[in-house]
N, C-alpha and C. Protein backbone atom coordinates (compact mmCIF):
# COMPACT_ATOMS: atom_id res chain seq x y z
N UNK A 1 0.68 -1.15 -0.12
CA UNK A 1 -0.54 0.48 -0.08
C UNK A 1 0.85 1.29 0.08
N UNK A 2 0.71 2.26 -1.00
CA UNK A 2 1.21 3.41 -1.23
C UNK A 2 0.91 4.46 -0.35
N UNK A 3 1.47 5.40 0.78
CA UNK A 3 1.63 5.97 1.71
C UNK A 3 2.76 7.28 1.47
N UNK A 4 2.41 7.93 1.72
CA UNK A 4 3.21 9.37 1.72
C UNK A 4 2.53 10.17 3.22
N UNK A 5 3.28 10.27 3.99
CA UNK A 5 3.21 10.60 5.45
C UNK A 5 3.50 12.02 6.34
N UNK A 6 2.90 12.89 5.89
CA UNK A 6 3.51 14.12 6.35
C UNK A 6 3.71 14.54 7.72
N UNK A 7 4.74 15.11 8.33
CA UNK A 7 4.65 15.98 9.75
C UNK A 7 5.93 16.84 9.99
N UNK A 8 5.94 17.58 11.08
CA UNK A 8 6.02 18.51 11.18
C UNK A 8 5.48 20.07 11.11
N UNK A 9 4.63 20.02 10.94
CA UNK A 9 4.02 21.24 10.73
C UNK A 9 3.53 21.84 12.04
N UNK A 10 2.86 23.24 12.20
CA UNK A 10 3.05 23.74 13.44
C UNK A 10 2.59 24.89 13.43
N UNK A 11 2.29 25.91 14.61
CA UNK A 11 2.14 27.32 14.84
C UNK A 11 3.75 27.81 14.90
N UNK A 12 3.59 28.84 14.65
CA UNK A 12 4.90 29.33 14.45
C UNK A 12 4.93 30.67 14.34
N UNK A 13 6.06 31.52 14.93
CA UNK A 13 6.32 32.99 15.22
C UNK A 13 6.65 33.31 13.65
N UNK A 14 6.31 34.58 13.29
CA UNK A 14 6.82 34.73 11.80
C UNK A 14 8.53 35.05 12.09
N UNK A 15 9.45 34.78 11.62
CA UNK A 15 11.26 34.51 11.32
C UNK A 15 11.36 33.15 11.69
N UNK A 16 10.51 32.43 12.25
CA UNK A 16 10.59 30.92 13.00
C UNK A 16 11.05 30.20 12.26
N UNK A 17 11.06 28.72 12.16
CA UNK A 17 11.69 27.90 11.25
C UNK A 17 11.07 26.60 11.95
N UNK A 18 10.72 25.52 11.02
CA UNK A 18 9.93 24.36 11.23
C UNK A 18 11.02 23.40 10.17
N UNK A 19 10.61 22.24 10.43
CA UNK A 19 10.86 21.21 9.38
C UNK A 19 10.24 19.90 9.32
N UNK A 20 10.04 19.88 8.00
CA UNK A 20 8.70 19.35 7.76
C UNK A 20 9.16 17.82 7.22
N UNK A 21 8.33 16.86 7.41
CA UNK A 21 8.82 15.22 6.97
C UNK A 21 8.03 14.74 6.15
N UNK A 22 8.49 13.89 5.38
CA UNK A 22 7.61 12.91 4.55
C UNK A 22 7.99 11.82 4.68
N UNK A 23 7.04 10.91 5.44
CA UNK A 23 7.82 9.68 5.01
C UNK A 23 7.04 8.45 4.04
N UNK A 24 8.17 7.83 3.29
CA UNK A 24 7.03 7.34 2.38
C UNK A 24 7.06 5.96 2.30
N UNK A 25 6.06 4.93 1.79
CA UNK A 25 6.40 3.73 1.88
C UNK A 25 5.24 3.03 0.89
N UNK A 26 5.35 1.69 0.43
CA UNK A 26 4.97 1.02 -0.61
C UNK A 26 5.32 1.24 -2.12
N UNK A 27 6.67 2.13 -2.28
CA UNK A 27 7.45 2.44 -3.41
C UNK A 27 8.78 2.82 -3.12
N UNK A 28 9.63 2.65 -4.03
CA UNK A 28 11.03 2.50 -3.76
C UNK A 28 11.27 4.08 -4.17
N UNK A 29 10.65 4.79 -3.31
CA UNK A 29 11.63 6.48 -3.28
C UNK A 29 12.53 6.90 -4.01
N UNK A 30 13.38 5.66 -4.76
CA UNK A 30 14.71 6.83 -4.91
C UNK A 30 14.21 6.41 -6.52
N UNK A 31 13.21 6.29 -7.30
CA UNK A 31 12.83 6.22 -8.67
C UNK A 31 11.28 6.90 -9.01
N UNK A 32 11.37 8.61 -7.65
CA UNK A 32 10.54 8.84 -7.83
C UNK A 32 11.04 11.07 -7.41
N UNK A 33 10.54 11.60 -8.62
CA UNK A 33 10.89 12.81 -8.13
C UNK A 33 9.74 13.40 -7.27
N UNK A 34 10.21 14.06 -6.34
CA UNK A 34 9.89 14.58 -4.91
C UNK A 34 9.41 15.79 -5.06
N UNK A 35 8.03 16.69 -4.52
CA UNK A 35 7.42 17.84 -4.32
C UNK A 35 7.11 18.30 -2.86
N UNK A 36 7.56 19.31 -2.54
CA UNK A 36 6.56 20.01 -1.39
C UNK A 36 5.45 20.60 -2.14
N UNK A 37 4.15 20.71 -1.98
CA UNK A 37 2.98 21.74 -2.50
C UNK A 37 2.22 22.41 -1.02
N UNK A 38 2.06 23.30 -1.38
CA UNK A 38 1.04 24.24 -0.39
C UNK A 38 -0.32 25.13 -1.06
N UNK A 39 -0.52 24.92 -0.54
CA UNK A 39 -2.69 25.25 -0.54
C UNK A 39 -3.15 26.30 0.64
N UNK A 40 -3.32 27.55 0.04
CA UNK A 40 -3.51 28.32 1.45
C UNK A 40 -4.94 28.72 1.23
N UNK A 41 -6.02 29.33 2.42
CA UNK A 41 -7.25 29.11 2.24
C UNK A 41 -7.80 30.15 0.72
N UNK A 42 -8.88 29.54 -0.46
CA UNK A 42 -8.89 30.70 -0.84
C UNK A 42 -7.84 30.57 -2.30
N UNK A 43 -6.98 29.77 -2.36
CA UNK A 43 -6.01 29.85 -3.10
C UNK A 43 -5.49 28.54 -4.08
N UNK A 44 -5.20 29.13 -4.89
CA UNK A 44 -4.79 27.99 -5.32
C UNK A 44 -3.86 26.59 -5.26
N UNK A 45 -3.62 26.06 -4.94
CA UNK A 45 -2.32 24.95 -4.89
C UNK A 45 -0.95 25.30 -5.29
N UNK A 46 0.07 25.65 -5.11
CA UNK A 46 1.37 25.70 -6.31
C UNK A 46 2.84 25.06 -5.08
N UNK A 47 3.41 24.68 -6.55
CA UNK A 47 4.77 23.81 -5.90
C UNK A 47 5.44 25.06 -5.30
N UNK A 48 5.93 24.60 -4.18
CA UNK A 48 6.97 25.15 -3.48
C UNK A 48 8.71 24.59 -3.55
N UNK A 49 9.02 23.34 -3.74
CA UNK A 49 10.22 23.03 -3.63
C UNK A 49 9.92 21.51 -4.27
N UNK A 50 10.64 20.99 -5.65
CA UNK A 50 10.94 19.69 -5.75
C UNK A 50 12.05 19.23 -6.18
N UNK A 51 12.71 17.97 -6.13
CA UNK A 51 13.57 17.44 -5.63
C UNK A 51 13.77 16.12 -6.68
N UNK A 52 15.18 16.10 -7.38
CA UNK A 52 15.02 15.19 -8.52
C UNK A 52 15.77 13.52 -7.57
N UNK A 53 15.77 12.15 -8.42
CA UNK A 53 15.77 11.34 -8.15
C UNK A 53 16.57 10.83 -6.22
N UNK A 54 18.21 11.88 -7.50
CA UNK A 54 18.84 11.96 -6.55
C UNK A 54 19.34 12.54 -5.47
N UNK A 55 18.67 13.84 -6.00
CA UNK A 55 18.93 14.37 -4.97
C UNK A 55 19.66 15.69 -4.86
N UNK A 56 20.12 15.67 -6.09
CA UNK A 56 21.32 16.56 -6.75
C UNK A 56 21.01 17.91 -7.74
N UNK A 57 19.16 18.08 -7.78
CA UNK A 57 18.85 18.81 -8.37
C UNK A 57 17.35 19.83 -7.36
N UNK A 58 17.45 20.55 -7.17
CA UNK A 58 16.58 21.31 -6.69
C UNK A 58 15.78 22.31 -7.36
N UNK A 59 15.03 22.75 -6.87
CA UNK A 59 13.70 23.57 -7.63
C UNK A 59 13.14 23.67 -6.40
N UNK A 60 12.97 25.86 -6.43
CA UNK A 60 12.03 26.41 -5.65
C UNK A 60 11.46 27.08 -6.08
N UNK A 61 10.67 27.44 -5.32
CA UNK A 61 9.48 28.84 -6.30
C UNK A 61 10.01 30.02 -5.48
N UNK A 62 10.10 31.15 -6.27
CA UNK A 62 10.69 32.40 -6.15
C UNK A 62 10.01 33.13 -4.75
N UNK A 63 9.06 32.70 -4.29
CA UNK A 63 8.39 33.16 -2.87
C UNK A 63 9.51 32.34 -1.99
N UNK A 64 9.71 31.35 -1.69
CA UNK A 64 10.68 30.74 -0.77
C UNK A 64 12.34 30.20 -1.06
N UNK A 65 12.61 30.55 -1.87
CA UNK A 65 14.30 30.88 -2.59
C UNK A 65 14.93 31.59 -1.34
N UNK A 66 16.10 30.48 -1.30
CA UNK A 66 16.99 31.32 -0.20
C UNK A 66 16.28 31.09 1.49
N UNK A 67 15.04 30.46 1.62
CA UNK A 67 14.66 30.43 2.61
C UNK A 67 14.16 28.92 2.86
N UNK A 68 13.77 28.43 2.15
CA UNK A 68 13.11 26.92 2.56
C UNK A 68 14.67 25.64 1.79
N UNK A 69 14.64 24.79 2.55
CA UNK A 69 15.58 23.51 1.74
C UNK A 69 14.83 22.22 1.56
N UNK A 70 15.26 21.59 0.16
CA UNK A 70 14.73 20.43 0.56
C UNK A 70 15.86 19.14 0.12
N UNK A 71 15.26 18.28 0.63
CA UNK A 71 16.57 17.49 0.35
C UNK A 71 16.17 16.10 0.79
N UNK A 72 16.46 15.24 0.91
CA UNK A 72 16.03 13.51 0.90
C UNK A 72 16.82 12.97 1.42
N UNK A 73 16.51 11.76 2.00
CA UNK A 73 17.37 10.69 2.45
C UNK A 73 16.76 8.95 1.99
N UNK A 74 16.71 8.41 0.56
CA UNK A 74 16.18 7.69 0.04
C UNK A 74 16.16 6.52 1.26
N UNK A 75 17.54 6.15 2.03
CA UNK A 75 18.13 5.04 2.67
C UNK A 75 16.89 5.46 3.75
N UNK A 76 16.45 6.35 3.77
CA UNK A 76 15.12 6.27 5.65
C UNK A 76 13.98 6.63 4.89
N UNK A 77 13.63 6.56 3.67
CA UNK A 77 12.39 6.88 2.36
C UNK A 77 11.80 7.98 3.58
N UNK A 78 12.44 9.23 3.67
CA UNK A 78 11.91 10.13 4.10
C UNK A 78 12.97 11.47 3.24
N UNK A 79 11.58 12.52 3.07
CA UNK A 79 11.90 13.77 2.41
C UNK A 79 11.82 15.18 3.13
N UNK A 80 12.37 15.92 3.56
CA UNK A 80 12.38 16.88 4.47
C UNK A 80 12.49 18.06 3.66
N UNK A 81 11.81 18.94 4.37
CA UNK A 81 11.66 20.53 3.60
C UNK A 81 11.97 21.50 5.13
N UNK A 82 13.42 22.10 5.33
CA UNK A 82 13.54 23.02 5.88
C UNK A 82 13.08 24.92 5.64
N UNK A 83 12.31 24.96 6.56
CA UNK A 83 11.92 25.90 6.02
C UNK A 83 12.08 27.24 7.30
N UNK A 84 12.67 28.42 7.08
CA UNK A 84 13.75 28.86 7.74
C UNK A 84 12.76 30.62 7.47
N UNK A 85 13.12 31.20 8.35
CA UNK A 85 12.70 33.25 7.88
C UNK A 85 10.90 32.76 7.61
N UNK A 86 10.19 32.17 8.04
CA UNK A 86 9.08 31.83 7.87
C UNK A 86 7.50 33.41 7.86
N UNK A 87 6.99 33.11 6.62
CA UNK A 87 6.37 34.94 6.92
C UNK A 87 5.18 34.31 7.55
N UNK A 88 3.84 35.20 7.27
CA UNK A 88 2.97 35.14 7.58
C UNK A 88 2.12 34.35 5.83
N UNK A 89 2.79 34.76 5.16
CA UNK A 89 1.90 34.27 3.74
C UNK A 89 2.51 32.79 3.61
N UNK A 90 2.85 32.69 4.41
CA UNK A 90 3.48 31.01 4.33
C UNK A 90 2.46 30.03 4.98
N UNK A 91 1.47 30.39 5.39
CA UNK A 91 0.61 29.60 6.38
C UNK A 91 -0.07 29.28 5.20
N UNK A 92 -0.30 27.64 5.19
CA UNK A 92 -1.33 26.89 4.18
C UNK A 92 -0.94 25.65 4.92
N UNK A 93 -1.68 24.82 4.17
CA UNK A 93 -1.69 22.82 4.50
C UNK A 93 -0.53 22.51 3.56
N UNK A 94 0.43 22.00 3.70
CA UNK A 94 1.78 21.27 3.05
C UNK A 94 1.69 19.91 2.70
N UNK A 95 1.31 19.40 1.12
CA UNK A 95 1.76 18.38 1.11
C UNK A 95 2.54 17.92 0.28
N UNK A 96 3.33 16.39 0.52
CA UNK A 96 4.55 16.11 -0.47
C UNK A 96 3.77 14.90 -1.57
N UNK A 97 4.18 14.98 -2.52
CA UNK A 97 3.94 13.90 -3.36
C UNK A 97 5.09 13.80 -4.05
N UNK A 98 4.73 12.34 -4.85
CA UNK A 98 6.04 11.66 -5.60
C UNK A 98 5.32 11.54 -7.25
N UNK A 99 5.96 11.45 -7.84
CA UNK A 99 5.63 11.25 -9.59
C UNK A 99 6.61 10.76 -10.47
N UNK A 100 6.86 9.46 -11.10
CA UNK A 100 7.96 8.66 -10.88
C UNK A 100 8.46 9.35 -12.66
N UNK A 101 7.79 9.54 -13.56
CA UNK A 101 8.65 9.81 -15.11
C UNK A 101 7.97 11.60 -15.11
N UNK A 102 9.47 12.55 -14.67
CA UNK A 102 9.12 13.50 -14.66
C UNK A 102 10.66 14.37 -14.04
N UNK A 103 10.49 15.58 -14.51
CA UNK A 103 11.51 16.28 -13.64
C UNK A 103 11.32 17.15 -12.36
N UNK A 104 12.36 17.74 -11.42
CA UNK A 104 12.05 18.26 -10.71
C UNK A 104 11.38 19.60 -10.79
N UNK A 105 11.12 20.20 -12.30
CA UNK A 105 10.99 21.40 -12.14
C UNK A 105 9.59 21.22 -12.99
N UNK A 106 9.67 19.94 -13.81
CA UNK A 106 8.32 19.68 -14.11
C UNK A 106 7.09 19.64 -13.08
N UNK A 107 7.69 18.85 -12.50
CA UNK A 107 6.80 18.21 -11.64
C UNK A 107 6.32 19.83 -10.43
N UNK A 108 7.38 20.72 -10.20
CA UNK A 108 6.71 21.65 -9.43
C UNK A 108 5.50 22.52 -10.23
N UNK A 109 5.87 23.03 -11.85
CA UNK A 109 5.37 23.79 -12.19
C UNK A 109 3.73 23.42 -13.00
N UNK A 110 3.84 21.82 -12.95
CA UNK A 110 2.30 21.23 -13.34
C UNK A 110 1.99 21.03 -12.11
N UNK A 111 2.50 20.42 -11.18
CA UNK A 111 1.52 20.41 -9.93
C UNK A 111 1.25 19.15 -9.86
N UNK A 112 1.84 18.18 -10.57
CA UNK A 112 1.14 16.34 -11.13
C UNK A 112 2.36 15.73 -10.28
N UNK A 113 1.31 14.93 -9.89
CA UNK A 113 1.42 13.67 -8.67
C UNK A 113 1.46 12.77 -8.88
N UNK A 114 2.07 11.25 -8.55
CA UNK A 114 1.78 9.96 -9.31
C UNK A 114 0.41 9.40 -7.33
N UNK A 115 1.59 9.80 -6.45
CA UNK A 115 0.66 9.97 -4.86
C UNK A 115 1.15 11.41 -4.53
N UNK A 116 0.11 11.00 -3.37
CA UNK A 116 -0.33 12.37 -2.48
C UNK A 116 -0.41 11.82 -1.31
N UNK A 117 0.37 12.98 -0.27
CA UNK A 117 -0.30 12.89 1.08
C UNK A 117 -1.10 13.78 2.06
N UNK A 118 -1.51 13.47 2.75
CA UNK A 118 -2.70 14.40 3.41
C UNK A 118 -2.55 15.52 4.00
N UNK A 119 -0.89 15.94 4.21
CA UNK A 119 -0.58 17.31 4.08
C UNK A 119 -0.59 17.52 5.81
N UNK A 120 -0.11 18.97 5.98
CA UNK A 120 0.30 19.23 7.34
C UNK A 120 -0.04 20.60 7.25
N UNK A 121 -0.68 21.21 8.43
CA UNK A 121 -0.82 22.35 8.67
C UNK A 121 0.70 23.43 9.26
N UNK A 122 0.87 24.23 8.08
CA UNK A 122 1.81 25.35 8.69
C UNK A 122 0.92 26.72 9.12
N UNK A 123 0.98 27.15 10.50
CA UNK A 123 0.51 28.76 10.27
C UNK A 123 1.35 29.43 11.10
N UNK A 124 2.07 30.53 10.58
CA UNK A 124 2.71 31.76 10.77
C UNK A 124 2.10 32.79 11.24
N UNK A 125 2.14 33.37 12.27
CA UNK A 125 1.38 33.75 12.91
C UNK A 125 1.86 34.37 14.28
N UNK A 126 1.08 35.70 15.07
CA UNK A 126 2.29 36.34 16.32
C UNK A 126 0.91 36.37 17.13
């Protein structure tokens, strides 16, 4: 059974940090491009960051570049999103997704995914 389970969300003050994790099971992580997406109330889902199969190539949306870092540990079946200098506009539900036949840029731009997690809430507020 394929599963992607996100964790690490929560309430944080502006300027704070959070580290999201996405643990996958039921498929071989190293054969999939992985992406983090987010959706705020009343807004469309957007690609935040995506990473290629080996972890050597990453893509970031302009709004998070320099603040967020995506990484993956295929041996642990886990993908991470380190989020620093958080802003209120980062508030959203964050989802991880896996896509087999793609690149990290295509995945983030198109929002396509073969498998999706259920999401974790991130709230940035004072």
